[in-house]
N, C-alpha and C. Protein backbone atom coordinates (compact mmCIF):
# COMPACT_ATOMS: atom_id res chain seq x y z
N UNK A 1 46.57 -77.26 100.40
CA UNK A 1 45.90 -75.97 100.33
C UNK A 1 45.70 -75.61 98.86
N UNK A 2 44.55 -75.12 98.53
CA UNK A 2 44.21 -74.78 97.15
C UNK A 2 44.92 -73.51 96.71
N UNK A 3 45.16 -73.43 95.42
CA UNK A 3 45.79 -72.25 94.84
C UNK A 3 44.70 -71.22 94.56
N UNK A 4 44.96 -69.97 94.91
CA UNK A 4 44.01 -68.89 94.65
C UNK A 4 44.13 -68.49 93.19
N UNK A 5 43.00 -68.22 92.55
CA UNK A 5 43.01 -67.81 91.16
C UNK A 5 41.98 -66.70 90.99
N UNK A 6 42.37 -65.67 90.24
CA UNK A 6 41.43 -64.57 89.98
C UNK A 6 40.59 -64.90 88.76
N UNK A 7 39.53 -64.12 88.58
CA UNK A 7 38.67 -64.32 87.43
C UNK A 7 39.38 -64.03 86.12
N UNK A 8 40.30 -63.04 86.12
CA UNK A 8 41.05 -62.71 84.91
C UNK A 8 41.96 -63.86 84.50
N UNK A 9 42.61 -64.47 85.49
CA UNK A 9 43.48 -65.61 85.20
C UNK A 9 42.65 -66.76 84.63
N UNK A 10 41.48 -67.00 85.22
CA UNK A 10 40.61 -68.07 84.76
C UNK A 10 40.16 -67.82 83.32
N UNK A 11 39.77 -66.59 83.02
CA UNK A 11 39.33 -66.26 81.67
C UNK A 11 40.46 -66.40 80.66
N UNK A 12 41.67 -66.04 81.07
CA UNK A 12 42.83 -66.19 80.19
C UNK A 12 43.05 -67.66 79.84
N UNK A 13 42.96 -68.54 80.84
CA UNK A 13 43.14 -69.98 80.60
C UNK A 13 42.04 -70.50 79.68
N UNK A 14 40.80 -70.08 79.93
CA UNK A 14 39.70 -70.52 79.08
C UNK A 14 39.88 -70.05 77.64
N UNK A 15 40.34 -68.82 77.49
CA UNK A 15 40.55 -68.27 76.14
C UNK A 15 41.65 -69.04 75.41
N UNK A 16 42.74 -69.36 76.09
CA UNK A 16 43.83 -70.13 75.48
C UNK A 16 43.37 -71.54 75.10
N UNK A 17 42.50 -72.12 75.93
CA UNK A 17 41.99 -73.47 75.67
C UNK A 17 40.90 -73.46 74.60
N UNK A 18 40.36 -72.29 74.28
CA UNK A 18 39.31 -72.20 73.28
C UNK A 18 37.95 -72.62 73.80
N UNK A 19 37.73 -72.45 75.09
CA UNK A 19 36.47 -72.84 75.71
C UNK A 19 35.77 -71.56 76.19
N UNK A 20 34.48 -71.48 75.88
CA UNK A 20 33.74 -70.30 76.34
C UNK A 20 33.34 -70.46 77.80
N UNK A 21 32.92 -69.35 78.39
CA UNK A 21 32.50 -69.36 79.79
C UNK A 21 31.31 -70.29 79.99
N UNK A 22 30.38 -70.27 79.04
CA UNK A 22 29.18 -71.10 79.14
C UNK A 22 29.52 -72.59 79.01
N UNK A 23 30.44 -72.92 78.11
CA UNK A 23 30.86 -74.32 77.97
C UNK A 23 31.51 -74.81 79.25
N UNK A 24 32.35 -73.97 79.84
CA UNK A 24 33.02 -74.37 81.08
C UNK A 24 32.00 -74.54 82.21
N UNK A 25 30.98 -73.71 82.21
CA UNK A 25 29.92 -73.85 83.22
C UNK A 25 29.24 -75.21 83.06
N UNK A 26 29.01 -75.62 81.82
CA UNK A 26 28.42 -76.93 81.57
C UNK A 26 29.33 -78.06 82.03
N UNK A 27 30.62 -77.91 81.81
CA UNK A 27 31.59 -78.92 82.27
C UNK A 27 31.56 -79.02 83.79
N UNK A 28 31.48 -77.87 84.46
CA UNK A 28 31.50 -77.85 85.92
C UNK A 28 30.15 -78.22 86.52
N UNK A 29 29.08 -78.18 85.72
CA UNK A 29 27.76 -78.54 86.21
C UNK A 29 27.05 -77.42 86.96
N UNK A 30 27.34 -76.19 86.57
CA UNK A 30 26.68 -75.05 87.20
C UNK A 30 26.01 -74.20 86.12
N UNK A 31 25.15 -73.29 86.55
CA UNK A 31 24.46 -72.43 85.60
C UNK A 31 25.43 -71.38 85.05
N UNK A 32 25.10 -70.90 83.85
CA UNK A 32 25.95 -69.90 83.18
C UNK A 32 26.03 -68.61 83.99
N UNK A 33 24.92 -68.21 84.57
CA UNK A 33 24.92 -66.96 85.34
C UNK A 33 25.77 -67.10 86.60
N UNK A 34 25.76 -68.28 87.20
CA UNK A 34 26.61 -68.52 88.38
C UNK A 34 28.08 -68.46 88.00
N UNK A 35 28.37 -69.03 86.85
CA UNK A 35 29.76 -69.02 86.37
C UNK A 35 30.22 -67.59 86.13
N UNK A 36 29.36 -66.80 85.51
CA UNK A 36 29.71 -65.40 85.24
C UNK A 36 29.94 -64.65 86.54
N UNK A 37 29.09 -64.88 87.52
CA UNK A 37 29.22 -64.22 88.83
C UNK A 37 30.53 -64.62 89.52
N UNK A 38 30.86 -65.90 89.44
CA UNK A 38 32.11 -66.38 90.07
C UNK A 38 33.34 -65.73 89.44
N UNK A 39 33.36 -65.67 88.12
CA UNK A 39 34.54 -65.12 87.44
C UNK A 39 34.68 -63.62 87.66
N UNK A 40 33.59 -62.88 87.52
CA UNK A 40 33.68 -61.43 87.67
C UNK A 40 33.83 -61.01 89.12
N UNK A 41 33.40 -61.85 90.05
CA UNK A 41 33.55 -61.53 91.47
C UNK A 41 34.81 -62.11 92.07
N UNK A 42 35.67 -62.72 91.24
CA UNK A 42 36.92 -63.34 91.69
C UNK A 42 36.68 -64.39 92.78
N UNK A 43 35.61 -65.14 92.63
CA UNK A 43 35.29 -66.22 93.57
C UNK A 43 35.37 -67.55 92.83
N UNK A 44 36.55 -67.92 92.42
CA UNK A 44 36.76 -69.16 91.68
C UNK A 44 36.92 -70.28 92.70
N UNK A 45 36.07 -71.29 92.61
CA UNK A 45 36.09 -72.38 93.59
C UNK A 45 37.31 -73.29 93.39
N UNK A 46 37.56 -74.10 94.38
CA UNK A 46 38.70 -75.01 94.33
C UNK A 46 38.55 -76.02 93.19
N UNK A 47 37.31 -76.51 92.97
CA UNK A 47 37.08 -77.44 91.87
C UNK A 47 37.35 -76.79 90.52
N UNK A 48 36.96 -75.53 90.39
CA UNK A 48 37.23 -74.80 89.15
C UNK A 48 38.72 -74.62 88.94
N UNK A 49 39.43 -74.31 90.03
CA UNK A 49 40.88 -74.12 89.94
C UNK A 49 41.54 -75.41 89.46
N UNK A 50 41.11 -76.55 89.99
CA UNK A 50 41.69 -77.83 89.58
C UNK A 50 41.42 -78.07 88.09
N UNK A 51 40.20 -77.86 87.65
CA UNK A 51 39.84 -78.08 86.24
C UNK A 51 40.58 -77.11 85.33
N UNK A 52 40.68 -75.85 85.74
CA UNK A 52 41.41 -74.86 84.94
C UNK A 52 42.90 -75.20 84.87
N UNK A 53 43.45 -75.71 85.96
CA UNK A 53 44.85 -76.12 85.95
C UNK A 53 45.08 -77.27 84.98
N UNK A 54 44.12 -78.20 84.93
CA UNK A 54 44.21 -79.30 83.97
C UNK A 54 44.18 -78.77 82.54
N UNK A 55 43.26 -77.83 82.28
CA UNK A 55 43.18 -77.25 80.94
C UNK A 55 44.47 -76.53 80.56
N UNK A 56 45.03 -75.78 81.52
CA UNK A 56 46.27 -75.06 81.26
C UNK A 56 47.40 -76.05 80.99
N UNK A 57 47.44 -77.16 81.75
CA UNK A 57 48.47 -78.17 81.54
C UNK A 57 48.36 -78.84 80.19
N UNK A 58 47.12 -79.10 79.75
CA UNK A 58 46.91 -79.70 78.44
C UNK A 58 47.38 -78.77 77.34
N UNK A 59 47.13 -77.49 77.49
CA UNK A 59 47.57 -76.52 76.48
C UNK A 59 49.09 -76.46 76.42
N UNK A 60 49.74 -76.52 77.58
CA UNK A 60 51.21 -76.52 77.60
C UNK A 60 51.74 -77.76 76.90
N UNK A 61 51.11 -78.91 77.18
CA UNK A 61 51.54 -80.15 76.52
C UNK A 61 51.35 -80.07 75.01
N UNK A 62 50.23 -79.50 74.57
CA UNK A 62 49.99 -79.36 73.13
C UNK A 62 51.05 -78.49 72.49
N UNK A 63 51.42 -77.39 73.16
CA UNK A 63 52.47 -76.51 72.62
C UNK A 63 53.80 -77.23 72.55
N UNK A 64 54.13 -78.00 73.60
CA UNK A 64 55.39 -78.74 73.62
C UNK A 64 55.42 -79.78 72.51
N UNK A 65 54.30 -80.46 72.30
CA UNK A 65 54.23 -81.46 71.22
C UNK A 65 54.40 -80.78 69.87
N UNK A 66 53.78 -79.62 69.70
CA UNK A 66 53.93 -78.88 68.44
C UNK A 66 55.39 -78.47 68.23
N UNK A 67 56.06 -78.05 69.29
CA UNK A 67 57.47 -77.68 69.18
C UNK A 67 58.32 -78.89 68.78
N UNK A 68 58.04 -80.04 69.38
CA UNK A 68 58.79 -81.26 69.04
C UNK A 68 58.53 -81.65 67.58
N UNK A 69 57.28 -81.53 67.14
CA UNK A 69 56.95 -81.83 65.74
C UNK A 69 57.72 -80.93 64.79
N UNK A 70 57.84 -79.65 65.14
CA UNK A 70 58.59 -78.72 64.30
C UNK A 70 60.07 -79.12 64.24
N UNK A 71 60.63 -79.51 65.40
CA UNK A 71 62.04 -79.92 65.41
C UNK A 71 62.25 -81.16 64.56
N UNK A 72 61.32 -82.11 64.63
CA UNK A 72 61.43 -83.33 63.83
C UNK A 72 61.36 -82.98 62.35
N UNK A 73 60.46 -82.09 61.99
CA UNK A 73 60.32 -81.69 60.59
C UNK A 73 61.58 -81.01 60.09
N UNK A 74 62.24 -80.20 60.95
CA UNK A 74 63.49 -79.55 60.56
C UNK A 74 64.58 -80.58 60.26
N UNK A 75 64.56 -81.69 60.98
CA UNK A 75 65.57 -82.73 60.77
C UNK A 75 65.24 -83.57 59.55
N UNK A 76 63.96 -83.87 59.37
CA UNK A 76 63.54 -84.77 58.29
C UNK A 76 63.58 -84.07 56.93
N UNK A 77 63.32 -82.78 56.88
CA UNK A 77 63.27 -82.06 55.61
C UNK A 77 64.55 -82.18 54.81
N UNK A 78 65.75 -81.98 55.40
CA UNK A 78 66.97 -82.13 54.59
C UNK A 78 67.15 -83.56 54.08
N UNK A 79 66.74 -84.54 54.86
CA UNK A 79 66.87 -85.93 54.42
C UNK A 79 65.98 -86.18 53.21
N UNK A 80 64.75 -85.66 53.25
CA UNK A 80 63.85 -85.81 52.11
C UNK A 80 64.42 -85.11 50.88
N UNK A 81 65.04 -83.96 51.08
CA UNK A 81 65.63 -83.22 49.96
C UNK A 81 66.75 -84.02 49.32
N UNK A 82 67.58 -84.66 50.14
CA UNK A 82 68.68 -85.48 49.61
C UNK A 82 68.11 -86.67 48.84
N UNK A 83 67.06 -87.29 49.37
CA UNK A 83 66.43 -88.42 48.68
C UNK A 83 65.90 -87.98 47.32
N UNK A 84 65.32 -86.80 47.24
CA UNK A 84 64.83 -86.29 45.96
C UNK A 84 65.98 -86.11 44.98
N UNK A 85 67.10 -85.57 45.47
CA UNK A 85 68.24 -85.35 44.58
C UNK A 85 68.77 -86.67 44.04
N UNK A 86 68.81 -87.70 44.89
CA UNK A 86 69.30 -89.00 44.44
C UNK A 86 68.34 -89.59 43.41
N UNK A 87 67.04 -89.47 43.64
CA UNK A 87 66.07 -90.00 42.70
C UNK A 87 66.13 -89.27 41.38
N UNK A 88 66.45 -87.97 41.39
CA UNK A 88 66.47 -87.18 40.18
C UNK A 88 67.82 -87.24 39.47
N UNK A 89 68.86 -87.66 40.17
CA UNK A 89 70.19 -87.67 39.57
C UNK A 89 70.28 -88.76 38.51
N UNK A 90 70.97 -88.43 37.42
CA UNK A 90 71.17 -89.43 36.36
C UNK A 90 72.39 -90.28 36.66
N UNK A 91 73.43 -89.67 37.20
CA UNK A 91 74.64 -90.41 37.54
C UNK A 91 75.07 -90.08 38.96
N UNK A 92 75.54 -91.10 39.67
CA UNK A 92 76.05 -90.93 41.02
C UNK A 92 77.30 -91.77 41.19
N UNK A 93 78.11 -91.38 42.15
CA UNK A 93 79.28 -92.18 42.50
C UNK A 93 78.95 -92.93 43.78
N UNK A 94 79.09 -94.24 43.72
CA UNK A 94 78.81 -95.09 44.87
C UNK A 94 80.05 -95.85 45.29
N UNK A 95 80.09 -96.22 46.56
CA UNK A 95 81.23 -96.99 47.09
C UNK A 95 80.75 -98.40 47.38
N UNK A 96 81.45 -99.40 46.85
CA UNK A 96 81.10 -100.79 47.07
C UNK A 96 81.34 -101.11 48.54
N UNK A 97 80.32 -101.61 49.21
CA UNK A 97 80.49 -101.93 50.63
C UNK A 97 80.17 -103.38 50.94
N UNK A 98 79.64 -104.13 49.95
CA UNK A 98 79.25 -105.51 50.23
C UNK A 98 79.27 -106.31 48.94
N UNK A 99 79.83 -107.51 49.03
CA UNK A 99 79.76 -108.44 47.91
C UNK A 99 78.98 -109.66 48.41
N UNK A 100 77.70 -109.75 48.02
CA UNK A 100 76.91 -110.89 48.48
C UNK A 100 77.40 -112.19 47.85
N UNK A 101 76.71 -113.25 48.18
CA UNK A 101 77.09 -114.57 47.68
C UNK A 101 77.01 -114.63 46.15
N UNK A 102 76.08 -113.88 45.56
CA UNK A 102 75.97 -113.82 44.10
C UNK A 102 77.19 -113.07 43.57
N UNK A 103 78.07 -113.73 42.78
CA UNK A 103 79.32 -113.08 42.35
C UNK A 103 79.11 -111.93 41.37
N UNK A 104 77.93 -111.81 40.77
CA UNK A 104 77.68 -110.77 39.79
C UNK A 104 77.07 -109.50 40.41
N UNK A 105 76.68 -109.57 41.66
CA UNK A 105 76.00 -108.44 42.30
C UNK A 105 76.95 -107.72 43.26
N UNK A 106 76.87 -106.37 43.25
CA UNK A 106 77.66 -105.53 44.15
C UNK A 106 76.72 -104.52 44.81
N UNK A 107 76.78 -104.40 46.12
CA UNK A 107 75.97 -103.42 46.83
C UNK A 107 76.81 -102.17 47.05
N UNK A 108 76.18 -101.00 46.80
CA UNK A 108 76.90 -99.73 46.93
C UNK A 108 76.17 -98.79 47.87
N UNK A 109 76.95 -97.88 48.45
CA UNK A 109 76.40 -96.82 49.29
C UNK A 109 76.78 -95.50 48.66
N UNK A 110 75.82 -94.60 48.57
CA UNK A 110 76.06 -93.29 47.97
C UNK A 110 76.42 -92.27 49.04
N UNK A 111 76.85 -91.10 48.63
CA UNK A 111 77.33 -90.07 49.56
C UNK A 111 76.25 -89.61 50.53
N UNK A 112 74.99 -89.66 50.13
CA UNK A 112 73.91 -89.22 51.00
C UNK A 112 73.48 -90.29 52.00
N UNK A 113 74.07 -91.47 51.93
CA UNK A 113 73.73 -92.53 52.87
C UNK A 113 72.75 -93.54 52.31
N UNK A 114 72.22 -93.31 51.11
CA UNK A 114 71.30 -94.26 50.52
C UNK A 114 72.09 -95.42 49.91
N UNK A 115 71.38 -96.48 49.59
CA UNK A 115 72.03 -97.69 49.10
C UNK A 115 71.42 -98.13 47.79
N UNK A 116 72.17 -98.93 47.06
CA UNK A 116 71.70 -99.50 45.81
C UNK A 116 72.58 -100.70 45.46
N UNK A 117 72.36 -101.25 44.28
CA UNK A 117 73.16 -102.38 43.83
C UNK A 117 73.29 -102.34 42.32
N UNK A 118 74.30 -103.02 41.82
CA UNK A 118 74.49 -103.14 40.38
C UNK A 118 75.09 -104.50 40.07
N UNK A 119 75.01 -104.88 38.78
CA UNK A 119 75.56 -106.15 38.34
C UNK A 119 76.81 -105.89 37.50
N UNK A 120 77.81 -106.73 37.67
CA UNK A 120 79.04 -106.64 36.89
C UNK A 120 79.72 -108.00 36.91
N UNK A 121 80.79 -108.14 36.13
CA UNK A 121 81.52 -109.40 36.10
C UNK A 121 82.13 -109.67 37.47
N UNK A 122 82.28 -110.95 37.82
CA UNK A 122 82.88 -111.29 39.12
C UNK A 122 84.29 -110.72 39.25
N UNK A 123 84.62 -110.28 40.45
CA UNK A 123 85.94 -109.74 40.79
C UNK A 123 86.33 -108.51 39.98
N UNK A 124 85.35 -107.79 39.43
CA UNK A 124 85.65 -106.53 38.73
C UNK A 124 85.86 -105.40 39.74
N UNK A 125 85.13 -105.45 40.85
CA UNK A 125 85.21 -104.41 41.86
C UNK A 125 85.40 -105.06 43.22
N UNK A 126 86.04 -104.32 44.12
CA UNK A 126 86.28 -104.83 45.46
C UNK A 126 85.70 -103.86 46.48
N UNK A 127 85.59 -104.30 47.72
CA UNK A 127 85.01 -103.46 48.76
C UNK A 127 85.85 -102.19 48.91
N UNK A 128 85.19 -101.05 48.89
CA UNK A 128 85.87 -99.77 49.00
C UNK A 128 86.07 -99.07 47.67
N UNK A 129 85.90 -99.77 46.55
CA UNK A 129 86.05 -99.16 45.24
C UNK A 129 84.90 -98.18 44.98
N UNK A 130 85.22 -97.07 44.32
CA UNK A 130 84.20 -96.11 43.96
C UNK A 130 83.84 -96.31 42.50
N UNK A 131 82.53 -96.33 42.22
CA UNK A 131 82.02 -96.65 40.90
C UNK A 131 81.03 -95.59 40.47
N UNK A 132 81.13 -95.15 39.21
CA UNK A 132 80.17 -94.20 38.67
C UNK A 132 79.00 -95.01 38.11
N UNK A 133 77.78 -94.69 38.61
CA UNK A 133 76.60 -95.47 38.26
C UNK A 133 75.49 -94.57 37.75
N UNK A 134 74.61 -95.14 36.93
CA UNK A 134 73.39 -94.44 36.51
C UNK A 134 72.21 -95.37 36.75
N UNK A 135 71.04 -94.77 36.94
CA UNK A 135 69.83 -95.51 37.26
C UNK A 135 69.45 -96.42 36.10
N UNK A 136 69.13 -97.67 36.41
CA UNK A 136 68.67 -98.63 35.40
C UNK A 136 67.24 -99.04 35.73
N UNK A 137 66.69 -99.92 34.91
CA UNK A 137 65.33 -100.40 35.19
C UNK A 137 65.26 -101.09 36.53
N UNK A 138 66.23 -101.92 36.82
CA UNK A 138 66.32 -102.62 38.11
C UNK A 138 67.68 -102.29 38.68
N UNK A 139 67.75 -101.53 39.74
CA UNK A 139 69.02 -101.20 40.37
C UNK A 139 69.75 -100.11 39.62
N UNK A 140 71.08 -100.27 39.52
CA UNK A 140 71.95 -99.29 38.88
C UNK A 140 72.82 -100.02 37.86
N UNK A 141 73.42 -99.26 36.93
CA UNK A 141 74.36 -99.87 35.99
C UNK A 141 75.60 -98.99 35.92
N UNK A 142 76.72 -99.63 35.59
CA UNK A 142 78.01 -98.94 35.56
C UNK A 142 78.09 -98.05 34.33
N UNK A 143 78.61 -96.83 34.54
CA UNK A 143 78.84 -95.90 33.44
C UNK A 143 80.28 -96.09 32.98
N UNK A 144 80.47 -96.37 31.71
CA UNK A 144 81.83 -96.60 31.19
C UNK A 144 82.35 -95.39 30.51
């Protein structure tokens, strides 16, 4: 059974969707004057109700997507801010978390979760050691 819809409800959906009465008449394949008569006389056909329901559903989906985008931006913004601080910082304290096969290279993790590496003499630092580093041309270098 079809859902009953008044002309005011139909106009509200069209207004939210940003579609004029004449454009909707073109979509439905009827004359503009017939469309106007249907809406003002509260004689919305079943086909119109189906199409208006689709338009209303699309608008709801668009709003939900916009809400999700806002939530993602709220989460990503602090991460970007931390990345900016790390890039702008002259000195940071990093924790050695990996000693690759190259005995002169040490991989470090910083407090914000970013990673980097530095070169030093073999066996100078061990996993878990905290090292004060400053940005170099390539990677980081130890501050003495």
